[in-house]
Amino acid sequence: METPAHHRLKQLAVAFLREHGCQAVAGEVRCPIWRYRVDVAGYIDTLGPAPAGRNPLTEAVATANGSTRRSWRCQPRTVLIECKQSRADFLKDQRDTDKLLQKRRELDRFRRAVEENRIKTQEPHLRKAGSSLFAELEDWDFASSRLPAYRNLIKRLRRLDKMLHGETKFCMIARYSLADRLYIAAPEGMIKKRELPPGWGLLECAKKDLVEDDPNADLFGRSVLNVAVKAPALSPRDEHRQRLLRNIAVAASATASSAMGVLA
């Protein structure tokens, strides 16, 4: 059963995506692969009004377009937001959180070293040629590595994520870059920066903003979610972007049908 606070966070996440230019937004959206569902997802790809400055969903920067309005342009980008209303909802096992986080940081440093020093040398076919103008910046399909030591390391990281977060959802979504930006939305001060799963950013709101009488408040106005930690840019496959856009359309259609009393 969804709590009012969690529902409110989802409303604020929708407002945040709309405010920052997403043309397509929906809740309870299926991921491009697997059967994971995320609380809110958005898609953005065209010119439109946006707040001045750098947009936290893309690398685009707002610039004057010859009028009093500001506009910006970006390549197609997708965003996933998971809403967590309490620490118990975020960290399932709090008894050894500090030790688990330290172990995860150590394993993650080892993972990066293996990718840089072994996979790039022993599995050069995993390099995505042409993904960047500069060879040293090109993407690599590390997930397809067949090195036993690397695959065992990934399994250990997944087990740690399950102990920390009660599931491997965070790890898998980031590991396979299922969207360009990944954010967790939570009450202010609930999640520490060091506790964020790798690949995820953090959106926060004041606790008082989770209590709202008007069910439609902020859905089309200014969002009260603020970027506490900017999500790193990921590089999803084009087919995953298109699949997620399709899933957003399906989720939005189901919501609209339900609102009109039509069987979805």
Protein backbone atom coordinates (compact mmCIF):
# COMPACT_ATOMS: atom_id res chain seq x y z
CA MET A 1 0.00 0.00 0.00
CA GLU A 2 1.49 3.32 -1.07
CA THR A 3 1.78 5.92 1.68
CA PRO A 4 0.68 9.56 1.20
CA ALA A 5 4.30 10.71 1.60
CA HIS A 6 5.53 8.39 -1.14
CA HIS A 7 2.70 9.46 -3.43
CA ARG A 8 3.55 13.09 -2.76
CA LEU A 9 7.23 12.50 -3.60
CA LYS A 10 6.14 11.04 -6.93
CA GLN A 11 4.05 14.14 -7.60
CA LEU A 12 7.05 16.35 -6.87
CA ALA A 13 9.26 14.20 -9.13
CA VAL A 14 6.78 14.63 -11.99
CA ALA A 15 6.79 18.40 -11.41
CA PHE A 16 10.60 18.44 -11.36
CA LEU A 17 10.85 16.69 -14.73
CA ARG A 18 8.22 18.93 -16.28
CA GLU A 19 9.91 22.05 -14.95
CA HIS A 20 13.23 21.01 -16.46
CA GLY A 21 11.84 20.43 -19.93
CA CYS A 22 10.75 16.80 -20.17
CA GLN A 23 8.01 16.52 -22.80
CA ALA A 24 7.00 12.99 -21.75
CA VAL A 25 6.62 12.07 -18.07
CA ALA A 26 4.84 9.20 -16.30
CA GLY A 27 4.80 7.26 -13.06
CA GLU A 28 5.16 3.51 -12.50
CA VAL A 29 7.21 3.00 -15.66
CA ARG A 30 8.77 -0.32 -16.64
CA CYS A 31 12.52 -0.26 -17.30
CA PRO A 32 13.82 -0.84 -20.85
CA ILE A 33 14.98 -4.33 -19.82
CA TRP A 34 13.97 -6.63 -16.94
CA ARG A 35 10.73 -6.18 -15.05
CA TYR A 36 11.83 -3.42 -12.72
CA ARG A 37 9.43 -0.53 -12.36
CA VAL A 38 10.59 2.94 -11.45
CA ASP A 39 8.50 5.53 -9.65
CA VAL A 40 8.82 8.28 -12.29
CA ALA A 41 10.47 8.52 -15.71
CA GLY A 42 10.90 11.33 -18.22
CA TYR A 43 12.08 11.94 -21.79
CA ILE A 44 13.42 15.17 -23.28
CA ASP A 45 14.66 15.95 -26.79
CA THR A 46 13.48 19.31 -28.15
CA LEU A 47 13.89 23.06 -27.87
CA GLY A 48 11.78 24.72 -25.22
CA PRO A 49 11.67 27.14 -22.29
CA ALA A 50 13.81 26.18 -19.32
CA PRO A 51 15.34 27.74 -16.22
CA ALA A 52 18.50 29.73 -16.91
CA GLY A 53 21.80 27.96 -16.43
CA ARG A 54 22.86 24.33 -16.78
CA ASN A 55 20.04 21.80 -16.83
CA PRO A 56 20.54 18.90 -14.34
CA LEU A 57 18.97 16.45 -16.82
CA THR A 58 21.29 17.20 -19.76
CA GLU A 59 24.54 18.94 -20.59
CA ALA A 60 22.64 21.77 -22.31
CA VAL A 61 22.97 25.36 -21.12
CA ALA A 62 20.17 27.91 -21.34
CA THR A 63 21.04 30.78 -23.71
CA ALA A 64 19.18 33.84 -24.97
CA ASN A 65 17.45 33.26 -28.31
CA GLY A 66 16.96 36.87 -29.36
CA SER A 67 13.89 37.47 -27.22
CA THR A 68 13.14 37.89 -23.54
CA ARG A 69 12.66 34.12 -23.18
CA ARG A 70 15.44 31.65 -22.74
CA SER A 71 15.68 28.41 -24.64
CA TRP A 72 17.95 25.43 -24.88
CA ARG A 73 18.46 22.38 -27.03
CA CYS A 74 19.70 18.88 -26.23
CA GLN A 75 20.07 15.44 -27.70
CA PRO A 76 17.45 12.84 -26.66
CA ARG A 77 17.82 12.12 -22.97
CA THR A 78 15.98 9.92 -20.47
CA VAL A 79 15.66 10.25 -16.69
CA LEU A 80 14.59 7.80 -13.99
CA ILE A 81 13.60 8.87 -10.46
CA GLU A 82 13.11 6.54 -7.50
CA CYS A 83 11.26 8.00 -4.50
CA LYS A 84 12.28 7.05 -0.94
CA GLN A 85 10.31 8.48 1.95
CA SER A 86 12.28 6.99 4.87
CA ARG A 87 15.70 5.54 5.70
CA ALA A 88 14.08 2.18 6.35
CA ASP A 89 12.78 2.33 2.78
CA PHE A 90 16.23 3.26 1.46
CA LEU A 91 18.60 1.16 3.58
CA LYS A 92 17.12 -2.19 4.50
CA ASP A 93 19.96 -3.21 6.85
CA GLN A 94 21.18 -0.34 9.02
CA ARG A 95 23.18 -2.33 11.59
CA ASP A 96 26.42 -2.48 9.59
CA THR A 97 25.82 0.30 7.10
CA ASP A 98 29.20 2.01 7.58
CA LYS A 99 31.14 -1.24 7.20
CA LEU A 100 29.13 -2.26 4.15
CA LEU A 101 29.61 1.14 2.51
CA GLN A 102 33.36 1.03 3.14
CA LYS A 103 33.57 -2.49 1.68
CA ARG A 104 31.59 -1.38 -1.34
CA ARG A 105 33.91 1.57 -1.95
CA GLU A 106 36.92 -0.74 -1.81
CA LEU A 107 35.38 -3.23 -4.24
CA ASP A 108 34.30 -0.43 -6.56
CA ARG A 109 37.85 0.96 -6.70
CA PHE A 110 39.07 -2.56 -7.51
CA ARG A 111 36.42 -2.86 -10.23
CA ARG A 112 37.57 0.34 -11.92
CA ALA A 113 41.18 -0.86 -11.77
CA VAL A 114 40.25 -4.18 -13.38
CA GLU A 115 38.32 -2.40 -16.14
CA GLU A 116 41.20 -0.03 -16.87
CA ASN A 117 44.15 -2.40 -16.56
CA ARG A 118 42.78 -5.80 -17.56
CA ILE A 119 39.62 -5.58 -19.63
CA LYS A 120 40.89 -2.77 -21.86
CA THR A 121 44.04 -4.84 -22.49
CA GLN A 122 42.60 -8.34 -22.72
CA GLU A 123 39.20 -7.60 -24.29
CA PRO A 124 39.73 -4.68 -26.70
CA HIS A 125 36.67 -5.78 -28.72
CA LEU A 126 34.47 -4.36 -25.94
CA ARG A 127 35.45 -0.80 -26.87
CA LYS A 128 32.57 1.07 -28.53
CA ALA A 129 34.48 2.56 -31.44
CA GLY A 130 33.17 5.91 -32.60
CA SER A 131 31.36 6.73 -29.34
CA SER A 132 33.62 9.76 -28.85
CA LEU A 133 35.85 12.03 -30.92
CA PHE A 134 38.73 11.07 -28.63
CA ALA A 135 39.80 7.44 -28.26
CA GLU A 136 40.55 7.81 -24.54
CA LEU A 137 36.96 8.96 -23.92
CA GLU A 138 35.20 6.19 -25.84
CA ASP A 139 32.68 4.02 -24.00
CA TRP A 140 33.30 0.38 -23.14
CA ASP A 141 30.82 -2.48 -22.80
CA PHE A 142 32.31 -3.76 -19.56
CA ALA A 143 29.08 -5.63 -18.73
CA SER A 144 29.88 -8.08 -21.55
CA SER A 145 33.28 -8.99 -20.14
CA ARG A 146 33.94 -12.72 -19.84
CA LEU A 147 36.82 -12.44 -17.36
CA PRO A 148 35.93 -14.79 -14.45
CA ALA A 149 37.55 -12.50 -11.87
CA TYR A 150 35.58 -9.49 -13.10
CA ARG A 151 32.26 -11.34 -13.23
CA ASN A 152 32.84 -12.62 -9.68
CA LEU A 153 33.61 -9.06 -8.57
CA ILE A 154 30.33 -7.82 -10.05
CA LYS A 155 28.45 -10.58 -8.19
CA ARG A 156 30.06 -9.49 -4.92
CA LEU A 157 29.05 -5.88 -5.58
CA ARG A 158 25.48 -6.97 -6.28
CA ARG A 159 25.36 -8.90 -3.01
CA LEU A 160 26.54 -5.81 -1.13
CA ASP A 161 23.91 -3.70 -2.88
CA LYS A 162 21.26 -6.20 -1.84
CA MET A 163 22.43 -6.00 1.77
CA LEU A 164 22.45 -2.19 1.66
CA HIS A 165 19.31 -1.50 -0.30
CA GLY A 166 17.34 -4.73 0.01
CA GLU A 167 17.53 -5.32 -3.73
CA THR A 168 19.85 -5.05 -6.72
CA LYS A 169 17.58 -2.63 -8.54
CA PHE A 170 19.78 0.44 -8.00
CA CYS A 171 22.92 -1.42 -9.01
CA MET A 172 21.46 -3.03 -12.12
CA ILE A 173 19.82 0.12 -13.47
CA ALA A 174 23.08 2.07 -13.15
CA ARG A 175 25.34 -0.78 -14.23
CA TYR A 176 23.51 -1.23 -17.53
CA SER A 177 22.93 2.51 -18.02
CA LEU A 178 19.18 2.23 -18.50
CA ALA A 179 18.79 6.03 -18.63
CA ASP A 180 20.95 9.11 -19.11
CA ARG A 181 20.31 10.37 -15.56
CA LEU A 182 19.29 8.50 -12.41
CA TYR A 183 17.96 10.30 -9.33
CA ILE A 184 16.65 9.35 -5.91
CA ALA A 185 14.07 11.76 -4.46
CA ALA A 186 13.93 11.95 -0.66
CA PRO A 187 13.23 14.27 2.28
CA GLU A 188 16.06 16.69 3.03
CA GLY A 189 18.88 15.22 5.15
CA MET A 190 17.61 11.63 5.02
CA ILE A 191 20.31 10.28 2.72
CA LYS A 192 24.02 11.08 3.04
CA LYS A 193 26.04 11.62 -0.11
CA ARG A 194 28.31 8.66 0.67
CA GLU A 195 25.26 6.40 0.94
CA LEU A 196 24.10 7.00 -2.63
CA PRO A 197 24.33 3.96 -4.92
CA PRO A 198 26.98 4.48 -7.65
CA GLY A 199 25.57 6.23 -10.71
CA TRP A 200 22.71 7.94 -8.86
CA GLY A 201 22.11 11.57 -7.95
CA LEU A 202 19.96 12.99 -5.15
CA LEU A 203 16.90 15.28 -5.18
CA GLU A 204 15.65 16.67 -1.87
CA CYS A 205 12.65 18.54 -0.51
CA ALA A 206 11.76 19.86 2.93
CA LYS A 207 9.73 17.45 5.05
CA LYS A 208 6.90 19.96 5.20
CA ASP A 209 6.57 19.71 1.42
CA LEU A 210 5.44 16.10 1.77
CA VAL A 211 2.20 17.30 3.38
CA GLU A 212 -0.10 18.86 0.81
CA ASP A 213 -3.88 19.13 0.78
CA ASP A 214 -4.17 19.88 -2.94
CA PRO A 215 -3.54 16.60 -4.86
CA ASN A 216 -2.61 18.54 -8.00
CA ALA A 217 -0.30 21.08 -6.35
CA ASP A 218 3.02 21.67 -8.13
CA LEU A 219 2.23 19.22 -10.93
CA PHE A 220 2.42 22.02 -13.48
CA GLY A 221 4.13 24.71 -11.44
CA ARG A 222 7.54 25.11 -9.90
CA SER A 223 8.95 21.99 -8.28
CA VAL A 224 10.20 22.14 -4.70
CA LEU A 225 12.71 19.35 -5.31
CA ASN A 226 16.30 20.60 -5.37
CA VAL A 227 19.40 18.90 -6.74
CA ALA A 228 21.54 17.95 -3.72
CA VAL A 229 23.88 15.69 -5.70
CA LYS A 230 23.95 15.91 -9.49
CA ALA A 231 23.57 12.54 -11.21
CA PRO A 232 26.53 11.53 -13.40
CA ALA A 233 25.91 11.35 -17.14
CA LEU A 234 25.42 7.77 -18.31
CA SER A 235 25.42 6.43 -21.87
CA PRO A 236 22.38 4.21 -22.52
CA ARG A 237 21.92 2.49 -25.83
CA ASP A 238 19.68 4.26 -28.31
CA GLU A 239 17.30 1.28 -28.31
CA HIS A 240 17.01 1.56 -24.51
CA ARG A 241 16.10 5.25 -24.81
CA GLN A 242 13.43 4.44 -27.38
CA ARG A 243 12.15 1.51 -25.34
CA LEU A 244 11.87 3.68 -22.24
CA LEU A 245 10.01 6.36 -24.23
CA ARG A 246 7.57 3.68 -25.36
CA ASN A 247 7.14 2.49 -21.75
CA ILE A 248 6.50 6.07 -20.59
CA ALA A 249 3.77 6.35 -23.22
CA VAL A 250 2.22 3.06 -22.08
CA ALA A 251 2.26 4.11 -18.41
CA ALA A 252 0.83 7.56 -19.20
CA SER A 253 -1.93 6.00 -21.32
CA ALA A 254 -2.85 3.58 -18.53
CA THR A 255 -3.05 6.47 -16.04
CA ALA A 256 -5.21 8.53 -18.39
CA SER A 257 -7.52 5.59 -19.06
CA SER A 258 -7.91 4.93 -15.35
CA ALA A 259 -8.70 8.60 -14.70
CA MET A 260 -11.43 8.49 -17.34
CA GLY A 261 -12.87 5.24 -15.99
CA VAL A 262 -11.75 3.27 -19.05
CA LEU A 263 -10.41 -0.24 -18.60
CA ALA A 264 -6.64 -0.09 -19.38
